[in-house]
Amino acid sequence: MRFDVLTLFPEIFSGYMTQSLLKLAIERSLVSIELHNIRDWSRDKHKCVDDRPFGGGPGMVFKPEPVVEAVEAVQKQALENNEALKKNEALENEEDSEPGHLVLLTPQGRPLNQPLVEELATHSRLLLLCGRYEGFDQRVSDLLEPDEISIGDFVLNGGEVAAMTLIDAVIRLVPGVLGDEDSSRYDSFSSVGRLLEHAQYTRPREYRGLEVPEVLLSGDHTAIAKWREENSQERTRQRRPDLFNENE
């Protein structure tokens, strides 16, 4: 799976891409991340990409030209690369011939949740557009018609952290990234019930007077599965009654 990230600060991703599961996924060619600096499409000799908002108000706004043209250039490059692969008969299906699913990260977008993550993971390529300032000129959305996504009801300094959050969630569903494919199936909010995950325990069996539930030590897999299901339901009822009510 490929991610193309369009940002003003590609350097932010340097540490993130060299750690943990993502690093291993990149090394094994399961995931690739390409960074594109939006300033490269600025028409200004000073590489300016923002301006004051019409009508007044605080802050600055992303100008439409560099953003729209940056996205179009990356999409065009994707199509050209796919055409080259087609000639070599390297494309496995028609989905790979698409220019990528464009995501604009914004607090005004639809909320990112596990069902949406699963939807995004069906694409072979995602283009992630990271905002800054007071946001984008409205014509960016009008012309590009991106999938606008929010990671929560709060405001960040920019879309880069939101992009990392989305990437981290999606790559867990890419085959081969996790050591155990069942790990993602039983995560909180996963397709198995959409409930919170059950409590987990490891050694030591007793710590400061708190002991591991005896059933987990029994070796009775049927009883363990039942306990985990009941614990998952109880956790969800207590901590996220909204989710529990959806499953009733």
C-alpha atoms as a PDB file:
ATOM      1  CA  MET A   1       0.000   0.000   0.000  1.00  0.00           C
ATOM      2  CA  ARG A   2       1.240   3.474  -0.856  1.00  0.00           C
ATOM      3  CA  PHE A   3       0.703   6.779   0.935  1.00  0.00           C
ATOM      4  CA  ASP A   4       1.488  10.098  -0.741  1.00  0.00           C
ATOM      5  CA  VAL A   5       1.636  12.863   1.867  1.00  0.00           C
ATOM      6  CA  LEU A   6       1.349  16.480   0.708  1.00  0.00           C
ATOM      7  CA  THR A   7       2.618  18.826   3.410  1.00  0.00           C
ATOM      8  CA  LEU A   8       4.582  21.991   4.130  1.00  0.00           C
ATOM      9  CA  PHE A   9       6.759  20.107   6.611  1.00  0.00           C
ATOM     10  CA  PRO A  10       7.927  16.747   5.217  1.00  0.00           C
ATOM     11  CA  GLU A  11      10.717  16.697   7.806  1.00  0.00           C
ATOM     12  CA  ILE A  12       8.160  15.954  10.519  1.00  0.00           C
ATOM     13  CA  PHE A  13       7.785  12.434   9.129  1.00  0.00           C
ATOM     14  CA  SER A  14      11.491  11.507   9.165  1.00  0.00           C
ATOM     15  CA  GLY A  15      11.513  10.040  12.678  1.00  0.00           C
ATOM     16  CA  TYR A  16       8.065   8.504  12.396  1.00  0.00           C
ATOM     17  CA  MET A  17       8.974   6.524   9.277  1.00  0.00           C
ATOM     18  CA  THR A  18      12.055   4.963  10.864  1.00  0.00           C
ATOM     19  CA  GLN A  19      10.430   3.363  13.908  1.00  0.00           C
ATOM     20  CA  SER A  20       8.555   0.221  14.914  1.00  0.00           C
ATOM     21  CA  LEU A  21       6.078  -1.613  12.664  1.00  0.00           C
ATOM     22  CA  LEU A  22       6.039   1.098   9.993  1.00  0.00           C
ATOM     23  CA  LYS A  23       9.802   0.875   9.524  1.00  0.00           C
ATOM     24  CA  LEU A  24       9.581  -2.909   9.118  1.00  0.00           C
ATOM     25  CA  ALA A  25       6.633  -2.613   6.728  1.00  0.00           C
ATOM     26  CA  ILE A  26       8.573  -0.175   4.550  1.00  0.00           C
ATOM     27  CA  GLU A  27      11.687  -2.368   4.587  1.00  0.00           C
ATOM     28  CA  ARG A  28       9.583  -5.358   3.512  1.00  0.00           C
ATOM     29  CA  SER A  29       7.918  -3.321   0.732  1.00  0.00           C
ATOM     30  CA  LEU A  30       4.474  -3.844   2.253  1.00  0.00           C
ATOM     31  CA  VAL A  31       4.006  -0.088   2.668  1.00  0.00           C
ATOM     32  CA  SER A  32       5.586   2.906   0.974  1.00  0.00           C
ATOM     33  CA  ILE A  33       5.336   6.579   1.931  1.00  0.00           C
ATOM     34  CA  GLU A  34       6.231   9.391  -0.454  1.00  0.00           C
ATOM     35  CA  LEU A  35       6.484  12.956   0.848  1.00  0.00           C
ATOM     36  CA  HIS A  36       5.683  15.985  -1.306  1.00  0.00           C
ATOM     37  CA  ASN A  37       6.361  19.585  -0.284  1.00  0.00           C
ATOM     38  CA  ILE A  38       3.440  21.790  -1.341  1.00  0.00           C
ATOM     39  CA  ARG A  39       5.813  24.761  -1.565  1.00  0.00           C
ATOM     40  CA  ASP A  40       7.353  23.149  -4.664  1.00  0.00           C
ATOM     41  CA  TRP A  41       4.195  24.188  -6.535  1.00  0.00           C
ATOM     42  CA  SER A  42       4.191  27.783  -5.312  1.00  0.00           C
ATOM     43  CA  ARG A  43       4.113  30.442  -8.024  1.00  0.00           C
ATOM     44  CA  ASP A  44       5.850  32.893  -5.717  1.00  0.00           C
ATOM     45  CA  LYS A  45       9.630  33.332  -5.764  1.00  0.00           C
ATOM     46  CA  HIS A  46       9.519  33.287  -1.970  1.00  0.00           C
ATOM     47  CA  LYS A  47       7.608  29.961  -2.019  1.00  0.00           C
ATOM     48  CA  CYS A  48       4.584  31.590  -0.396  1.00  0.00           C
ATOM     49  CA  VAL A  49       1.499  29.369  -0.272  1.00  0.00           C
ATOM     50  CA  ASP A  50      -0.861  31.396   1.947  1.00  0.00           C
ATOM     51  CA  ASP A  51      -2.631  34.753   1.996  1.00  0.00           C
ATOM     52  CA  ARG A  52      -5.044  36.794   4.110  1.00  0.00           C
ATOM     53  CA  PRO A  53      -8.685  35.728   3.985  1.00  0.00           C
ATOM     54  CA  PHE A  54     -11.138  37.817   1.972  1.00  0.00           C
ATOM     55  CA  GLY A  55     -13.622  39.499   4.314  1.00  0.00           C
ATOM     56  CA  GLY A  56     -11.048  39.828   7.076  1.00  0.00           C
ATOM     57  CA  GLY A  57     -10.411  37.677  10.096  1.00  0.00           C
ATOM     58  CA  PRO A  58      -7.444  36.191  11.961  1.00  0.00           C
ATOM     59  CA  GLY A  59      -4.726  34.067  10.475  1.00  0.00           C
ATOM     60  CA  MET A  60      -3.864  33.071   6.946  1.00  0.00           C
ATOM     61  CA  VAL A  61      -5.440  30.691   4.424  1.00  0.00           C
ATOM     62  CA  PHE A  62      -3.896  28.205   1.982  1.00  0.00           C
ATOM     63  CA  LYS A  63      -4.064  29.598  -1.551  1.00  0.00           C
ATOM     64  CA  PRO A  64      -5.791  27.291  -4.042  1.00  0.00           C
ATOM     65  CA  GLU A  65      -3.173  27.255  -6.831  1.00  0.00           C
ATOM     66  CA  PRO A  66      -0.251  25.450  -5.127  1.00  0.00           C
ATOM     67  CA  VAL A  67      -2.502  22.943  -3.371  1.00  0.00           C
ATOM     68  CA  VAL A  68      -4.646  22.004  -6.359  1.00  0.00           C
ATOM     69  CA  GLU A  69      -1.665  21.825  -8.701  1.00  0.00           C
ATOM     70  CA  ALA A  70       0.366  19.772  -6.220  1.00  0.00           C
ATOM     71  CA  VAL A  71      -2.415  17.191  -5.917  1.00  0.00           C
ATOM     72  CA  GLU A  72      -2.960  17.082  -9.680  1.00  0.00           C
ATOM     73  CA  ALA A  73       0.770  16.598 -10.282  1.00  0.00           C
ATOM     74  CA  VAL A  74       0.983  13.707  -7.800  1.00  0.00           C
ATOM     75  CA  GLN A  75      -2.136  12.111  -9.299  1.00  0.00           C
ATOM     76  CA  LYS A  76      -0.735  12.482 -12.811  1.00  0.00           C
ATOM     77  CA  GLN A  77       2.544  10.918 -11.708  1.00  0.00           C
ATOM     78  CA  ALA A  78       0.614   8.000 -10.233  1.00  0.00           C
ATOM     79  CA  LEU A  79      -1.256   7.398 -13.474  1.00  0.00           C
ATOM     80  CA  GLU A  80       1.944   7.600 -15.516  1.00  0.00           C
ATOM     81  CA  ASN A  81       3.661   5.104 -13.218  1.00  0.00           C
ATOM     82  CA  ASN A  82       0.684   2.789 -13.485  1.00  0.00           C
ATOM     83  CA  GLU A  83       0.730   2.982 -17.280  1.00  0.00           C
ATOM     84  CA  ALA A  84       4.394   1.976 -17.233  1.00  0.00           C
ATOM     85  CA  LEU A  85       3.569  -0.960 -14.965  1.00  0.00           C
ATOM     86  CA  LYS A  86       0.730  -2.002 -17.255  1.00  0.00           C
ATOM     87  CA  LYS A  87       3.113  -2.234 -20.176  1.00  0.00           C
ATOM     88  CA  ASN A  88       5.243  -4.574 -18.095  1.00  0.00           C
ATOM     89  CA  GLU A  89       2.106  -6.502 -17.091  1.00  0.00           C
ATOM     90  CA  ALA A  90       2.928  -5.820 -13.450  1.00  0.00           C
ATOM     91  CA  LEU A  91      -0.500  -4.538 -12.373  1.00  0.00           C
ATOM     92  CA  GLU A  92      -2.599  -7.227 -10.733  1.00  0.00           C
ATOM     93  CA  ASN A  93      -6.011  -5.522 -10.937  1.00  0.00           C
ATOM     94  CA  GLU A  94      -7.835  -2.440 -12.142  1.00  0.00           C
ATOM     95  CA  GLU A  95      -7.830  -0.830  -8.676  1.00  0.00           C
ATOM     96  CA  ASP A  96      -4.079  -0.340  -8.979  1.00  0.00           C
ATOM     97  CA  SER A  97      -4.638   1.845 -12.049  1.00  0.00           C
ATOM     98  CA  GLU A  98      -6.388   4.559 -10.015  1.00  0.00           C
ATOM     99  CA  PRO A  99      -4.527   7.798  -9.154  1.00  0.00           C
ATOM    100  CA  GLY A 100      -5.172   7.284  -5.461  1.00  0.00           C
ATOM    101  CA  HIS A 101      -7.925   8.119  -3.002  1.00  0.00           C
ATOM    102  CA  LEU A 102      -7.535  11.761  -1.937  1.00  0.00           C
ATOM    103  CA  VAL A 103      -8.017  12.512   1.772  1.00  0.00           C
ATOM    104  CA  LEU A 104      -8.070  16.052   3.155  1.00  0.00           C
ATOM    105  CA  LEU A 105      -7.400  16.054   6.895  1.00  0.00           C
ATOM    106  CA  THR A 106      -9.630  18.624   8.562  1.00  0.00           C
ATOM    107  CA  PRO A 107     -11.557  18.962  11.855  1.00  0.00           C
ATOM    108  CA  GLN A 108     -14.651  19.516   9.700  1.00  0.00           C
ATOM    109  CA  GLY A 109     -14.450  16.063   8.065  1.00  0.00           C
ATOM    110  CA  ARG A 110     -16.257  12.827   8.839  1.00  0.00           C
ATOM    111  CA  PRO A 111     -14.889  11.209  12.012  1.00  0.00           C
ATOM    112  CA  LEU A 112     -12.138   8.640  11.668  1.00  0.00           C
ATOM    113  CA  ASN A 113     -13.265   5.380  13.272  1.00  0.00           C
ATOM    114  CA  GLN A 114     -12.459   1.722  12.739  1.00  0.00           C
ATOM    115  CA  PRO A 115     -15.120   1.126  10.042  1.00  0.00           C
ATOM    116  CA  LEU A 116     -13.712   4.086   8.107  1.00  0.00           C
ATOM    117  CA  VAL A 117     -10.153   2.776   8.608  1.00  0.00           C
ATOM    118  CA  GLU A 118     -11.283  -0.552   7.157  1.00  0.00           C
ATOM    119  CA  GLU A 119     -12.795   1.312   4.205  1.00  0.00           C
ATOM    120  CA  LEU A 120      -9.595   3.265   3.574  1.00  0.00           C
ATOM    121  CA  ALA A 121      -7.532   0.072   3.757  1.00  0.00           C
ATOM    122  CA  THR A 122      -9.318  -1.239   0.653  1.00  0.00           C
ATOM    123  CA  HIS A 123      -7.488   1.343  -1.465  1.00  0.00           C
ATOM    124  CA  SER A 124      -4.056   0.533  -2.830  1.00  0.00           C
ATOM    125  CA  ARG A 125      -3.018   4.198  -2.674  1.00  0.00           C
ATOM    126  CA  LEU A 126      -3.998   7.111  -0.435  1.00  0.00           C
ATOM    127  CA  LEU A 127      -3.089  10.762  -1.000  1.00  0.00           C
ATOM    128  CA  LEU A 128      -3.107  12.643   2.311  1.00  0.00           C
ATOM    129  CA  LEU A 129      -3.423  16.418   2.177  1.00  0.00           C
ATOM    130  CA  CYS A 130      -2.167  18.135   5.353  1.00  0.00           C
ATOM    131  CA  GLY A 131      -3.517  21.583   6.190  1.00  0.00           C
ATOM    132  CA  ARG A 132      -2.008  24.466   8.130  1.00  0.00           C
ATOM    133  CA  TYR A 133      -2.958  28.035   9.062  1.00  0.00           C
ATOM    134  CA  GLU A 134      -6.748  28.632   9.111  1.00  0.00           C
ATOM    135  CA  GLY A 135      -7.302  25.934   6.522  1.00  0.00           C
ATOM    136  CA  PHE A 136      -7.725  25.750   2.743  1.00  0.00           C
ATOM    137  CA  ASP A 137      -9.374  28.097   0.297  1.00  0.00           C
ATOM    138  CA  GLN A 138     -12.822  26.536  -0.289  1.00  0.00           C
ATOM    139  CA  ARG A 139     -12.016  26.084  -3.981  1.00  0.00           C
ATOM    140  CA  VAL A 140      -9.528  23.349  -3.052  1.00  0.00           C
ATOM    141  CA  SER A 141     -12.432  21.161  -1.928  1.00  0.00           C
ATOM    142  CA  ASP A 142     -14.723  22.342  -4.721  1.00  0.00           C
ATOM    143  CA  LEU A 143     -12.221  21.399  -7.428  1.00  0.00           C
ATOM    144  CA  LEU A 144     -10.594  18.275  -5.978  1.00  0.00           C
ATOM    145  CA  GLU A 145     -13.615  16.833  -4.128  1.00  0.00           C
ATOM    146  CA  PRO A 146     -11.466  15.083  -1.493  1.00  0.00           C
ATOM    147  CA  ASP A 147     -12.661  12.715   1.186  1.00  0.00           C
ATOM    148  CA  GLU A 148     -12.584  15.090   4.188  1.00  0.00           C
ATOM    149  CA  ILE A 149     -11.663  13.238   7.384  1.00  0.00           C
ATOM    150  CA  SER A 150     -11.225  14.355  11.011  1.00  0.00           C
ATOM    151  CA  ILE A 151      -9.389  12.447  13.742  1.00  0.00           C
ATOM    152  CA  GLY A 152     -11.456  14.122  16.477  1.00  0.00           C
ATOM    153  CA  ASP A 153     -13.369  17.144  17.677  1.00  0.00           C
ATOM    154  CA  PHE A 154     -10.302  19.260  18.376  1.00  0.00           C
ATOM    155  CA  VAL A 155      -7.899  21.432  16.404  1.00  0.00           C
ATOM    156  CA  LEU A 156      -4.223  20.655  15.739  1.00  0.00           C
ATOM    157  CA  ASN A 157      -1.511  22.991  14.490  1.00  0.00           C
ATOM    158  CA  GLY A 158      -1.472  21.053  11.230  1.00  0.00           C
ATOM    159  CA  GLY A 159      -2.563  17.910   9.464  1.00  0.00           C
ATOM    160  CA  GLU A 160       0.736  16.053   9.783  1.00  0.00           C
ATOM    161  CA  VAL A 161      -0.034  14.397  13.127  1.00  0.00           C
ATOM    162  CA  ALA A 162      -3.497  13.527  11.828  1.00  0.00           C
ATOM    163  CA  ALA A 163      -1.897  11.940   8.739  1.00  0.00           C
ATOM    164  CA  MET A 164       0.395   9.845  10.935  1.00  0.00           C
ATOM    165  CA  THR A 165      -2.610   8.730  12.982  1.00  0.00           C
ATOM    166  CA  LEU A 166      -4.458   7.654   9.856  1.00  0.00           C
ATOM    167  CA  ILE A 167      -1.408   5.847   8.445  1.00  0.00           C
ATOM    168  CA  ASP A 168      -0.805   4.050  11.750  1.00  0.00           C
ATOM    169  CA  ALA A 169      -4.391   2.800  11.847  1.00  0.00           C
ATOM    170  CA  VAL A 170      -4.571   1.746   8.191  1.00  0.00           C
ATOM    171  CA  ILE A 171      -1.269  -0.156   7.964  1.00  0.00           C
ATOM    172  CA  ARG A 172      -2.438  -2.522  10.726  1.00  0.00           C
ATOM    173  CA  LEU A 173      -4.902  -3.895   8.163  1.00  0.00           C
ATOM    174  CA  VAL A 174      -2.306  -4.374   5.407  1.00  0.00           C
ATOM    175  CA  PRO A 175      -1.602  -8.118   5.130  1.00  0.00           C
ATOM    176  CA  GLY A 176       1.786  -9.019   6.586  1.00  0.00           C
ATOM    177  CA  VAL A 177       2.340  -5.849   8.634  1.00  0.00           C
ATOM    178  CA  LEU A 178       1.280  -7.411  11.955  1.00  0.00           C
ATOM    179  CA  GLY A 179       2.973 -10.549  13.181  1.00  0.00           C
ATOM    180  CA  ASP A 180      -0.389 -12.150  13.955  1.00  0.00           C
ATOM    181  CA  GLU A 181      -3.208 -11.351  11.530  1.00  0.00           C
ATOM    182  CA  ASP A 182      -5.771 -11.968  14.294  1.00  0.00           C
ATOM    183  CA  SER A 183      -4.377  -8.992  16.245  1.00  0.00           C
ATOM    184  CA  SER A 184      -6.314  -6.427  14.228  1.00  0.00           C
ATOM    185  CA  ARG A 185      -9.491  -8.547  14.149  1.00  0.00           C
ATOM    186  CA  TYR A 186      -9.818  -8.415  17.930  1.00  0.00           C
ATOM    187  CA  ASP A 187      -8.735  -4.803  18.473  1.00  0.00           C
ATOM    188  CA  SER A 188     -11.174  -2.412  20.090  1.00  0.00           C
ATOM    189  CA  PHE A 189     -13.794  -1.209  17.572  1.00  0.00           C
ATOM    190  CA  SER A 190     -12.798  -3.975  15.141  1.00  0.00           C
ATOM    191  CA  SER A 191     -15.245  -5.829  12.921  1.00  0.00           C
ATOM    192  CA  VAL A 192     -15.709  -8.445  15.667  1.00  0.00           C
ATOM    193  CA  GLY A 193     -18.563  -6.804  17.571  1.00  0.00           C
ATOM    194  CA  ARG A 194     -17.263  -3.206  17.432  1.00  0.00           C
ATOM    195  CA  LEU A 195     -16.738  -3.423  21.199  1.00  0.00           C
ATOM    196  CA  LEU A 196     -13.783  -2.489  23.385  1.00  0.00           C
ATOM    197  CA  GLU A 197     -11.118  -5.148  23.697  1.00  0.00           C
ATOM    198  CA  HIS A 198     -11.096  -7.330  26.815  1.00  0.00           C
ATOM    199  CA  ALA A 199      -8.528  -6.889  29.605  1.00  0.00           C
ATOM    200  CA  GLN A 200      -5.083  -8.405  29.032  1.00  0.00           C
ATOM    201  CA  TYR A 201      -2.723  -9.993  31.589  1.00  0.00           C
ATOM    202  CA  THR A 202       0.840 -11.335  31.563  1.00  0.00           C
ATOM    203  CA  ARG A 203       3.483 -12.374  34.137  1.00  0.00           C
ATOM    204  CA  PRO A 204       3.733 -12.115  37.090  1.00  0.00           C
ATOM    205  CA  ARG A 205       0.568 -13.952  38.173  1.00  0.00           C
ATOM    206  CA  GLU A 206       0.326 -11.729  41.252  1.00  0.00           C
ATOM    207  CA  TYR A 207       1.436  -8.110  41.619  1.00  0.00           C
ATOM    208  CA  ARG A 208       0.789  -5.936  44.688  1.00  0.00           C
ATOM    209  CA  GLY A 209      -2.113  -8.094  45.718  1.00  0.00           C
ATOM    210  CA  LEU A 210      -3.757  -8.164  42.307  1.00  0.00           C
ATOM    211  CA  GLU A 211      -3.977 -11.589  40.693  1.00  0.00           C
ATOM    212  CA  VAL A 212      -4.600 -12.747  37.140  1.00  0.00           C
ATOM    213  CA  PRO A 213      -8.163 -14.134  36.758  1.00  0.00           C
ATOM    214  CA  GLU A 214      -7.999 -17.863  37.386  1.00  0.00           C
ATOM    215  CA  VAL A 215      -9.866 -18.728  34.187  1.00  0.00           C
ATOM    216  CA  LEU A 216      -6.980 -17.364  32.078  1.00  0.00           C
ATOM    217  CA  LEU A 217      -4.664 -19.899  33.714  1.00  0.00           C
ATOM    218  CA  SER A 218      -7.030 -22.840  33.286  1.00  0.00           C
ATOM    219  CA  GLY A 219      -6.106 -23.873  29.765  1.00  0.00           C
ATOM    220  CA  ASP A 220      -9.857 -24.187  29.013  1.00  0.00           C
ATOM    221  CA  HIS A 221     -10.062 -22.259  25.745  1.00  0.00           C
ATOM    222  CA  THR A 222     -13.860 -22.315  25.658  1.00  0.00           C
ATOM    223  CA  ALA A 223     -14.057 -20.807  29.140  1.00  0.00           C
ATOM    224  CA  ILE A 224     -11.358 -18.266  28.290  1.00  0.00           C
ATOM    225  CA  ALA A 225     -13.217 -17.178  25.140  1.00  0.00           C
ATOM    226  CA  LYS A 226     -16.427 -16.778  27.151  1.00  0.00           C
ATOM    227  CA  TRP A 227     -14.658 -14.722  29.842  1.00  0.00           C
ATOM    228  CA  ARG A 228     -13.080 -12.458  27.247  1.00  0.00           C
ATOM    229  CA  GLU A 229     -16.399 -11.892  25.502  1.00  0.00           C
ATOM    230  CA  GLU A 230     -18.147 -11.050  28.765  1.00  0.00           C
ATOM    231  CA  ASN A 231     -15.275  -8.805  29.872  1.00  0.00           C
ATOM    232  CA  SER A 232     -15.362  -6.990  26.512  1.00  0.00           C
ATOM    233  CA  GLN A 233     -19.090  -6.393  26.849  1.00  0.00           C
ATOM    234  CA  GLU A 234     -18.785  -5.174  30.438  1.00  0.00           C
ATOM    235  CA  ARG A 235     -15.917  -2.811  29.589  1.00  0.00           C
ATOM    236  CA  THR A 236     -17.882  -1.378  26.705  1.00  0.00           C
ATOM    237  CA  ARG A 237     -21.012  -0.981  28.844  1.00  0.00           C
ATOM    238  CA  GLN A 238     -19.045   0.908  31.512  1.00  0.00           C
ATOM    239  CA  ARG A 239     -16.705   2.997  29.368  1.00  0.00           C
ATOM    240  CA  ARG A 240     -18.552   3.453  26.067  1.00  0.00           C
ATOM    241  CA  PRO A 241     -22.270   2.906  26.608  1.00  0.00           C
ATOM    242  CA  ASP A 242     -22.899   4.519  23.229  1.00  0.00           C
ATOM    243  CA  LEU A 243     -21.095   1.626  21.530  1.00  0.00           C
ATOM    244  CA  PHE A 244     -22.766  -0.959  23.710  1.00  0.00           C
ATOM    245  CA  ASN A 245     -26.236   0.364  22.888  1.00  0.00           C
ATOM    246  CA  GLU A 246     -25.431   0.183  19.167  1.00  0.00           C
ATOM    247  CA  ASN A 247     -24.753  -3.547  19.505  1.00  0.00           C
ATOM    248  CA  GLU A 248     -27.931  -4.395  21.416  1.00  0.00           C
END
